[in-house]
Protein backbone atom coordinates (compact mmCIF):
# COMPACT_ATOMS: atom_id res chain seq x y z
CA MET A 1 -8.86 19.21 23.43
CA LYS A 2 -12.53 18.36 24.00
CA VAL A 3 -15.25 19.95 21.86
CA ILE A 4 -19.00 19.63 21.42
CA LEU A 5 -19.94 17.75 18.24
CA ASN A 6 -23.32 17.54 16.54
CA VAL A 7 -23.71 15.63 13.28
CA ILE A 8 -26.95 16.33 11.41
CA ARG A 9 -27.90 14.13 8.46
CA ALA A 10 -30.84 15.43 6.42
CA GLN A 11 -31.88 15.67 2.77
CA GLY A 12 -28.74 13.93 1.56
CA MET A 13 -26.45 16.33 3.40
CA THR A 14 -24.18 15.79 6.40
CA LEU A 15 -23.61 18.82 8.63
CA VAL A 16 -20.74 18.46 11.09
CA ASN A 17 -20.97 21.17 13.75
CA ILE A 18 -18.14 21.70 16.21
CA CYS A 19 -17.92 24.27 18.99
CA GLN A 20 -16.07 24.95 22.19
CA ALA A 21 -18.26 23.95 25.15
CA GLU A 22 -18.20 27.35 26.83
CA LEU A 23 -19.78 28.97 23.74
CA LEU A 24 -22.77 26.64 23.48
CA GLY A 25 -26.09 28.46 23.87
CA LYS A 26 -24.60 31.93 23.43
CA VAL A 27 -25.38 34.57 20.81
CA PHE A 28 -22.74 37.01 19.52
CA ARG A 29 -23.59 40.17 17.57
CA GLU A 30 -21.45 42.61 15.65
CA GLY A 31 -23.19 45.06 13.35
CA GLU A 32 -25.45 43.09 11.03
CA ILE A 33 -23.74 39.77 11.81
CA ILE A 34 -25.30 37.39 14.34
CA LEU A 35 -23.51 34.21 15.42
CA ASN A 36 -26.02 32.01 17.25
CA VAL A 37 -24.31 29.00 18.83
CA SER A 38 -27.65 27.31 19.44
CA GLU A 39 -28.16 24.06 21.37
CA LYS A 40 -30.27 22.74 18.48
CA PHE A 41 -27.54 23.17 15.86
CA TYR A 42 -24.32 22.79 17.89
CA GLY A 43 -25.46 20.83 20.95
CA GLY A 44 -24.33 17.22 21.00
CA GLN A 45 -21.72 15.05 22.60
CA GLU A 46 -18.34 15.98 24.03
CA VAL A 47 -15.59 14.38 21.94
CA GLU A 48 -11.90 14.78 21.26
CA LEU A 49 -11.11 17.38 18.61
CA ASP A 50 -9.17 14.82 16.55
CA TYR A 51 -12.30 12.68 16.24
CA ALA A 52 -14.47 15.68 15.27
CA PHE A 53 -12.00 16.75 12.57
CA SER A 54 -11.81 13.16 11.27
CA LEU A 55 -15.40 13.54 10.07
CA ILE A 56 -14.50 16.25 7.52
CA ASP A 57 -14.43 13.83 4.59
CA GLU A 58 -18.04 12.78 5.12
CA ALA A 59 -19.26 16.33 5.84
CA THR A 60 -21.14 18.32 3.25
CA VAL A 61 -20.58 21.35 5.48
CA MET A 62 -18.46 21.63 8.62
CA SER A 63 -19.19 24.59 10.92
CA ILE A 64 -16.52 25.42 13.48
CA VAL A 65 -16.97 27.91 16.35
CA GLY A 66 -14.38 29.00 18.88
CA ASN A 67 -10.96 30.61 18.74
CA CYS A 68 -8.95 27.54 19.79
CA VAL A 69 -10.86 25.16 17.50
CA VAL A 70 -10.68 27.45 14.46
CA GLU A 71 -6.97 28.10 15.02
CA GLU A 72 -6.36 24.34 15.17
CA ALA A 73 -8.34 23.88 11.93
CA ILE A 74 -6.11 26.50 10.28
CA LYS A 75 -2.94 24.77 11.55
CA ARG A 76 -4.15 21.45 10.12
CA GLY A 77 -4.91 23.00 6.74
CA LEU A 78 -8.68 22.46 7.02
CA VAL A 79 -9.51 26.19 6.96
CA HIS A 80 -7.76 29.09 5.25
CA LYS A 81 -7.09 31.98 7.63
CA ASP A 82 -8.76 34.42 5.23
CA ALA A 83 -12.00 32.40 5.37
CA VAL A 84 -12.50 33.03 9.10
CA ILE A 85 -14.89 35.63 10.46
CA SER A 86 -14.86 36.99 13.96
CA VAL A 87 -17.99 38.13 15.80
CA GLU A 88 -17.43 39.87 19.14
CA GLY A 89 -13.97 38.28 19.17
CA VAL A 90 -15.28 34.73 18.58
CA LYS A 91 -13.91 33.01 15.48
CA PHE A 92 -16.20 31.10 13.10
CA ALA A 93 -15.44 29.16 9.92
CA GLN A 94 -17.25 26.86 7.52
CA VAL A 95 -15.78 24.20 5.25
CA TYR A 96 -17.78 23.12 2.20
CA ASN A 97 -17.22 19.81 0.45
CA VAL A 98 -19.04 20.01 -2.89
C-alpha cells in the first residue's frame, strides 16, 4: 500500500506524518473536533507503508490518518484500537515515543 509521508525534524523532535493520498488537503469536522489533513503537515512523498512504519523508532510522534493505514497500524501492534478517534468516518491515531 502506498501512503504519503512527511517527516518533520524541529526542536529536537521528529514528527512522522502518514496519510492516505486521497485525504491530503481535506478537512473533517465532527462537533468540536477538527481533523485538518493539511499539505503543510502531511504533504510529502509517496512511499510504501512498510517504509513509513519503519520510521516509528526514530519518531517522537507519529500521526496516522486514514482508515486503511490506521487499521494496518492496529494489526501490527503500533496502535491500540482504543486510542483511535474517528472524525466524519475518517480514522486518526497518534503514537508517542517519550
